[in-house]
Amino acid sequence: MEFTPKELALKIARILDAKKAAGLSVISVGNVTELADYFVITTGRSSTQVKAFADEVEFKLKQEGIVPDHIEGHKSRTWIVMDYQCVVVHIFDEQAREYYDLDRLWKDGEKLDESEYVTADSANEE
């Protein structure tokens, strides 16, 4: 099945939401950069959780025949970047998320409404 960039970004965000990812945001950046159409940004509470989030996204998408062009950061586990061409996934630990502050850096992009990818259950837990 083919996905539009937005559908893929939302699918990734829902996978992360199901794993209880914190600070989840999806930003449409296609109007401000040629790097990607969407960034999915989230935070893991530990290096183990950062890796688990990346592994889960990779596993679930691979089941649908979607593989990343490139993955960086598995060794450091403070910031893992997964490049799916039209969607780039940034999975940070809390310290790296605060330091790099991609939400602020890409504030000219359009942040999608959380209701498109966050379930009521996970929203109530935060």
N, C-alpha and C. Protein backbone atom coordinates (compact mmCIF):
# COMPACT_ATOMS: atom_id res chain seq x y z
N MET A 1 0.83 -1.19 0.00
CA MET A 1 0.00 0.00 0.00
C MET A 1 0.88 1.25 0.00
N GLU A 2 0.53 2.18 -0.83
CA GLU A 2 1.25 3.45 -0.90
C GLU A 2 0.64 4.45 0.09
N PHE A 3 1.49 5.22 0.71
CA PHE A 3 1.03 6.24 1.64
C PHE A 3 1.45 7.61 1.13
N THR A 4 0.60 8.62 1.34
CA THR A 4 1.03 9.99 1.08
C THR A 4 2.01 10.35 2.20
N PRO A 5 2.82 11.40 2.02
CA PRO A 5 3.72 11.79 3.10
C PRO A 5 2.98 12.04 4.42
N LYS A 6 1.83 12.70 4.37
CA LYS A 6 1.08 12.97 5.60
C LYS A 6 0.59 11.68 6.22
N GLU A 7 0.08 10.76 5.41
CA GLU A 7 -0.41 9.49 5.94
C GLU A 7 0.73 8.72 6.61
N LEU A 8 1.91 8.74 6.00
CA LEU A 8 3.06 8.05 6.58
C LEU A 8 3.47 8.70 7.89
N ALA A 9 3.52 10.02 7.92
CA ALA A 9 3.88 10.73 9.16
C ALA A 9 2.89 10.40 10.27
N LEU A 10 1.61 10.40 9.95
CA LEU A 10 0.60 10.09 10.96
C LEU A 10 0.68 8.63 11.40
N LYS A 11 0.97 7.74 10.48
CA LYS A 11 1.13 6.32 10.81
C LYS A 11 2.28 6.14 11.80
N ILE A 12 3.40 6.80 11.53
CA ILE A 12 4.57 6.73 12.41
C ILE A 12 4.22 7.30 13.78
N ALA A 13 3.54 8.44 13.79
CA ALA A 13 3.16 9.06 15.07
C ALA A 13 2.24 8.15 15.87
N ARG A 14 1.34 7.47 15.20
CA ARG A 14 0.42 6.56 15.90
C ARG A 14 1.16 5.35 16.46
N ILE A 15 2.17 4.87 15.73
CA ILE A 15 3.00 3.76 16.24
C ILE A 15 3.69 4.21 17.52
N LEU A 16 4.26 5.41 17.49
CA LEU A 16 4.96 5.94 18.66
C LEU A 16 3.99 6.21 19.81
N ASP A 17 2.83 6.72 19.49
CA ASP A 17 1.81 6.98 20.52
C ASP A 17 1.41 5.68 21.21
N ALA A 18 1.26 4.62 20.44
CA ALA A 18 0.89 3.32 21.00
C ALA A 18 1.96 2.80 21.96
N LYS A 19 3.20 3.22 21.76
CA LYS A 19 4.30 2.82 22.65
C LYS A 19 4.50 3.81 23.79
N LYS A 20 3.57 4.76 23.94
CA LYS A 20 3.61 5.76 25.02
C LYS A 20 4.75 6.75 24.88
N ALA A 21 5.07 7.14 23.66
CA ALA A 21 6.10 8.15 23.43
C ALA A 21 5.65 9.49 24.00
N ALA A 22 6.59 10.23 24.56
CA ALA A 22 6.27 11.52 25.18
C ALA A 22 6.57 12.66 24.21
N GLY A 23 5.85 13.76 24.39
CA GLY A 23 6.13 14.97 23.62
C GLY A 23 6.06 14.78 22.13
N LEU A 24 5.13 13.99 21.68
CA LEU A 24 5.01 13.65 20.27
C LEU A 24 4.52 14.85 19.47
N SER A 25 5.22 15.17 18.38
CA SER A 25 4.73 16.22 17.49
C SER A 25 5.03 15.85 16.04
N VAL A 26 4.12 16.27 15.18
CA VAL A 26 4.27 16.07 13.74
C VAL A 26 4.22 17.45 13.11
N ILE A 27 5.28 17.79 12.37
CA ILE A 27 5.38 19.11 11.78
C ILE A 27 5.51 18.99 10.27
N SER A 28 4.65 19.69 9.55
CA SER A 28 4.76 19.78 8.10
C SER A 28 5.84 20.81 7.79
N VAL A 29 6.95 20.34 7.18
CA VAL A 29 8.07 21.24 6.91
C VAL A 29 8.34 21.41 5.41
N GLY A 30 7.48 20.82 4.59
CA GLY A 30 7.69 20.88 3.15
C GLY A 30 7.72 22.28 2.58
N ASN A 31 7.07 23.23 3.26
CA ASN A 31 7.05 24.60 2.77
C ASN A 31 8.28 25.40 3.20
N VAL A 32 9.12 24.83 4.08
CA VAL A 32 10.30 25.57 4.56
C VAL A 32 11.63 24.87 4.27
N THR A 33 11.58 23.62 3.79
CA THR A 33 12.81 22.90 3.49
C THR A 33 12.55 21.83 2.44
N GLU A 34 13.61 21.43 1.78
CA GLU A 34 13.52 20.32 0.83
C GLU A 34 13.96 19.01 1.46
N LEU A 35 14.31 19.03 2.74
CA LEU A 35 14.79 17.84 3.43
C LEU A 35 13.72 16.76 3.51
N ALA A 36 12.49 17.17 3.75
CA ALA A 36 11.38 16.23 3.93
C ALA A 36 10.07 17.02 3.88
N ASP A 37 8.97 16.28 3.82
CA ASP A 37 7.66 16.91 3.89
C ASP A 37 7.20 17.03 5.35
N TYR A 38 7.58 16.05 6.16
CA TYR A 38 7.16 16.02 7.57
C TYR A 38 8.30 15.59 8.47
N PHE A 39 8.32 16.15 9.67
CA PHE A 39 9.17 15.68 10.75
C PHE A 39 8.24 15.11 11.82
N VAL A 40 8.59 13.94 12.33
CA VAL A 40 7.94 13.38 13.50
C VAL A 40 8.98 13.43 14.60
N ILE A 41 8.63 14.08 15.71
CA ILE A 41 9.58 14.30 16.80
C ILE A 41 8.98 13.74 18.08
N THR A 42 9.80 12.99 18.83
CA THR A 42 9.31 12.47 20.11
C THR A 42 10.48 12.28 21.07
N THR A 43 10.13 11.96 22.32
CA THR A 43 11.11 11.82 23.37
C THR A 43 10.95 10.50 24.09
N GLY A 44 12.07 9.83 24.31
CA GLY A 44 12.11 8.65 25.16
C GLY A 44 12.67 9.03 26.51
N ARG A 45 12.23 8.36 27.55
CA ARG A 45 12.65 8.70 28.91
C ARG A 45 14.00 8.07 29.28
N SER A 46 14.51 7.19 28.42
CA SER A 46 15.81 6.56 28.67
C SER A 46 16.40 6.15 27.32
N SER A 47 17.68 5.82 27.30
CA SER A 47 18.31 5.38 26.05
C SER A 47 17.67 4.07 25.57
N THR A 48 17.26 3.24 26.51
CA THR A 48 16.59 1.99 26.14
C THR A 48 15.26 2.28 25.44
N GLN A 49 14.52 3.24 25.96
CA GLN A 49 13.24 3.59 25.37
C GLN A 49 13.43 4.26 24.00
N VAL A 50 14.44 5.10 23.85
CA VAL A 50 14.73 5.72 22.56
C VAL A 50 14.96 4.64 21.51
N LYS A 51 15.78 3.65 21.85
CA LYS A 51 16.05 2.56 20.92
C LYS A 51 14.79 1.74 20.65
N ALA A 52 14.02 1.47 21.69
CA ALA A 52 12.79 0.68 21.53
C ALA A 52 11.80 1.38 20.60
N PHE A 53 11.68 2.69 20.71
CA PHE A 53 10.80 3.45 19.82
C PHE A 53 11.25 3.31 18.37
N ALA A 54 12.55 3.49 18.14
CA ALA A 54 13.07 3.38 16.78
C ALA A 54 12.87 1.96 16.23
N ASP A 55 13.15 0.97 17.05
CA ASP A 55 12.97 -0.42 16.63
C ASP A 55 11.52 -0.71 16.27
N GLU A 56 10.58 -0.18 17.06
CA GLU A 56 9.17 -0.43 16.83
C GLU A 56 8.71 0.21 15.51
N VAL A 57 9.12 1.44 15.26
CA VAL A 57 8.76 2.11 14.00
C VAL A 57 9.32 1.31 12.83
N GLU A 58 10.59 0.95 12.92
CA GLU A 58 11.21 0.20 11.83
C GLU A 58 10.50 -1.13 11.60
N PHE A 59 10.21 -1.85 12.67
CA PHE A 59 9.55 -3.16 12.58
C PHE A 59 8.15 -3.05 11.96
N LYS A 60 7.34 -2.14 12.49
CA LYS A 60 5.96 -2.01 12.01
C LYS A 60 5.90 -1.57 10.55
N LEU A 61 6.76 -0.64 10.16
CA LEU A 61 6.74 -0.17 8.77
C LEU A 61 7.30 -1.23 7.83
N LYS A 62 8.30 -1.97 8.29
CA LYS A 62 8.87 -3.03 7.46
C LYS A 62 7.82 -4.09 7.13
N GLN A 63 6.90 -4.34 8.06
CA GLN A 63 5.81 -5.28 7.82
C GLN A 63 4.94 -4.85 6.64
N GLU A 64 4.95 -3.57 6.36
CA GLU A 64 4.17 -3.04 5.24
C GLU A 64 5.04 -2.73 4.03
N GLY A 65 6.28 -3.20 4.08
CA GLY A 65 7.19 -3.01 2.95
C GLY A 65 7.84 -1.65 2.89
N ILE A 66 7.80 -0.90 3.99
CA ILE A 66 8.39 0.44 4.03
C ILE A 66 9.68 0.37 4.84
N VAL A 67 10.78 0.69 4.20
CA VAL A 67 12.07 0.65 4.90
C VAL A 67 12.72 2.03 4.81
N PRO A 68 13.45 2.40 5.85
CA PRO A 68 14.10 3.71 5.84
C PRO A 68 15.27 3.73 4.88
N ASP A 69 15.53 4.90 4.32
CA ASP A 69 16.72 5.07 3.50
C ASP A 69 17.97 5.00 4.37
N HIS A 70 17.84 5.53 5.59
CA HIS A 70 19.01 5.61 6.45
C HIS A 70 18.55 5.78 7.90
N ILE A 71 19.32 5.22 8.81
CA ILE A 71 19.10 5.42 10.24
C ILE A 71 20.44 5.81 10.87
N GLU A 72 20.42 6.85 11.68
CA GLU A 72 21.62 7.31 12.39
C GLU A 72 21.33 7.37 13.88
N GLY A 73 22.35 7.11 14.68
CA GLY A 73 22.25 7.34 16.12
C GLY A 73 22.01 6.13 16.99
N HIS A 74 21.91 4.94 16.40
CA HIS A 74 21.66 3.75 17.23
C HIS A 74 22.73 3.54 18.29
N LYS A 75 23.96 3.94 18.02
CA LYS A 75 25.03 3.73 19.00
C LYS A 75 24.91 4.68 20.19
N SER A 76 24.60 5.94 19.92
CA SER A 76 24.54 6.91 21.02
C SER A 76 23.24 6.79 21.80
N ARG A 77 22.15 6.50 21.10
CA ARG A 77 20.82 6.37 21.70
C ARG A 77 20.34 7.63 22.41
N THR A 78 20.92 8.78 22.08
CA THR A 78 20.41 10.03 22.62
C THR A 78 19.55 10.74 21.57
N TRP A 79 19.82 10.43 20.30
CA TRP A 79 19.05 11.01 19.21
C TRP A 79 19.16 10.06 18.02
N ILE A 80 18.07 9.39 17.72
CA ILE A 80 18.04 8.50 16.56
C ILE A 80 17.22 9.18 15.47
N VAL A 81 17.80 9.24 14.28
CA VAL A 81 17.14 9.85 13.13
C VAL A 81 16.85 8.75 12.12
N MET A 82 15.59 8.69 11.69
CA MET A 82 15.17 7.69 10.71
C MET A 82 14.67 8.44 9.47
N ASP A 83 15.32 8.20 8.35
CA ASP A 83 14.99 8.92 7.12
C ASP A 83 14.13 8.05 6.21
N TYR A 84 12.87 8.42 6.09
CA TYR A 84 11.95 7.74 5.18
C TYR A 84 11.65 8.63 3.98
N GLN A 85 12.62 9.37 3.53
CA GLN A 85 12.56 10.32 2.41
C GLN A 85 11.60 11.47 2.69
N CYS A 86 10.31 11.23 2.58
CA CYS A 86 9.34 12.31 2.76
C CYS A 86 9.05 12.58 4.23
N VAL A 87 9.44 11.65 5.10
CA VAL A 87 9.24 11.81 6.54
C VAL A 87 10.55 11.48 7.25
N VAL A 88 10.97 12.39 8.12
CA VAL A 88 12.16 12.15 8.94
C VAL A 88 11.69 12.07 10.38
N VAL A 89 12.08 10.99 11.05
CA VAL A 89 11.69 10.73 12.43
C VAL A 89 12.87 11.05 13.34
N HIS A 90 12.62 11.89 14.34
CA HIS A 90 13.63 12.27 15.33
C HIS A 90 13.18 11.73 16.68
N ILE A 91 13.96 10.81 17.24
CA ILE A 91 13.65 10.25 18.55
C ILE A 91 14.78 10.63 19.50
N PHE A 92 14.46 11.47 20.47
CA PHE A 92 15.45 12.02 21.38
C PHE A 92 15.30 11.45 22.78
N ASP A 93 16.40 11.52 23.56
CA ASP A 93 16.23 11.42 24.99
C ASP A 93 15.87 12.83 25.47
N GLU A 94 15.50 12.97 26.72
CA GLU A 94 14.99 14.26 27.20
C GLU A 94 16.01 15.38 27.08
N GLN A 95 17.26 15.10 27.41
CA GLN A 95 18.30 16.13 27.38
C GLN A 95 18.58 16.59 25.95
N ALA A 96 18.69 15.66 25.01
CA ALA A 96 18.95 16.02 23.62
C ALA A 96 17.76 16.77 23.02
N ARG A 97 16.55 16.37 23.38
CA ARG A 97 15.36 17.06 22.86
C ARG A 97 15.37 18.52 23.28
N GLU A 98 15.68 18.74 24.53
CA GLU A 98 15.73 20.11 25.04
C GLU A 98 16.87 20.90 24.38
N TYR A 99 18.02 20.28 24.24
CA TYR A 99 19.18 20.97 23.68
C TYR A 99 18.97 21.38 22.22
N TYR A 100 18.52 20.44 21.39
CA TYR A 100 18.38 20.72 19.96
C TYR A 100 17.09 21.47 19.63
N ASP A 101 16.06 21.31 20.43
CA ASP A 101 14.80 22.06 20.33
C ASP A 101 14.32 22.21 18.88
N LEU A 102 14.14 21.08 18.21
CA LEU A 102 13.69 21.11 16.82
C LEU A 102 12.31 21.71 16.65
N ASP A 103 11.48 21.60 17.67
CA ASP A 103 10.15 22.21 17.58
C ASP A 103 10.28 23.72 17.37
N ARG A 104 11.20 24.34 18.07
CA ARG A 104 11.43 25.78 17.91
C ARG A 104 12.13 26.07 16.59
N LEU A 105 13.12 25.25 16.28
CA LEU A 105 13.90 25.46 15.07
C LEU A 105 13.02 25.40 13.81
N TRP A 106 12.03 24.52 13.83
CA TRP A 106 11.14 24.35 12.67
C TRP A 106 9.76 24.97 12.92
N LYS A 107 9.72 26.01 13.72
CA LYS A 107 8.44 26.65 14.06
C LYS A 107 7.74 27.26 12.85
N ASP A 108 8.47 27.50 11.76
CA ASP A 108 7.84 28.01 10.54
C ASP A 108 7.04 26.94 9.81
N GLY A 109 7.24 25.69 10.19
CA GLY A 109 6.42 24.61 9.65
C GLY A 109 5.06 24.61 10.34
N GLU A 110 4.17 23.79 9.83
CA GLU A 110 2.82 23.70 10.40
C GLU A 110 2.73 22.48 11.30
N LYS A 111 2.53 22.70 12.58
CA LYS A 111 2.39 21.60 13.53
C LYS A 111 0.98 21.03 13.40
N LEU A 112 0.89 19.73 13.15
CA LEU A 112 -0.41 19.09 13.00
C LEU A 112 -1.09 18.95 14.36
N ASP A 113 -2.40 18.98 14.34
CA ASP A 113 -3.19 18.84 15.55
C ASP A 113 -2.99 17.44 16.13
N GLU A 114 -2.71 17.37 17.42
CA GLU A 114 -2.47 16.08 18.08
C GLU A 114 -3.63 15.11 17.95
N SER A 115 -4.83 15.62 17.79
CA SER A 115 -6.00 14.73 17.70
C SER A 115 -5.91 13.81 16.49
N GLU A 116 -5.03 14.13 15.53
CA GLU A 116 -4.86 13.27 14.36
C GLU A 116 -4.01 12.04 14.65
N TYR A 117 -3.27 12.05 15.77
CA TYR A 117 -2.37 10.92 16.01
C TYR A 117 -2.24 10.49 17.47
N VAL A 118 -2.73 11.27 18.40
CA VAL A 118 -2.64 10.91 19.82
C VAL A 118 -4.00 10.40 20.27
N THR A 119 -4.00 9.22 20.89
CA THR A 119 -5.25 8.66 21.38
C THR A 119 -5.66 9.36 22.67
N ALA A 120 -6.92 9.31 23.00
CA ALA A 120 -7.42 9.93 24.22
C ALA A 120 -6.75 9.33 25.45
N ASP A 121 -6.48 8.02 25.40
CA ASP A 121 -5.84 7.36 26.55
C ASP A 121 -4.47 7.93 26.82
N SER A 122 -3.64 8.09 25.78
CA SER A 122 -2.28 8.59 26.02
C SER A 122 -2.29 10.07 26.36
N ALA A 123 -3.23 10.84 25.85
CA ALA A 123 -3.32 12.26 26.16
C ALA A 123 -3.67 12.45 27.64
N ASN A 124 -4.47 11.58 28.19
CA ASN A 124 -4.87 11.68 29.58
C ASN A 124 -3.76 11.28 30.54
N GLU A 125 -2.76 10.53 30.05
CA GLU A 125 -1.69 10.07 30.91
C GLU A 125 -0.63 11.13 31.16
N GLU A 126 -0.56 12.13 30.30
CA GLU A 126 0.51 13.14 30.43
C GLU A 126 0.18 14.22 31.40
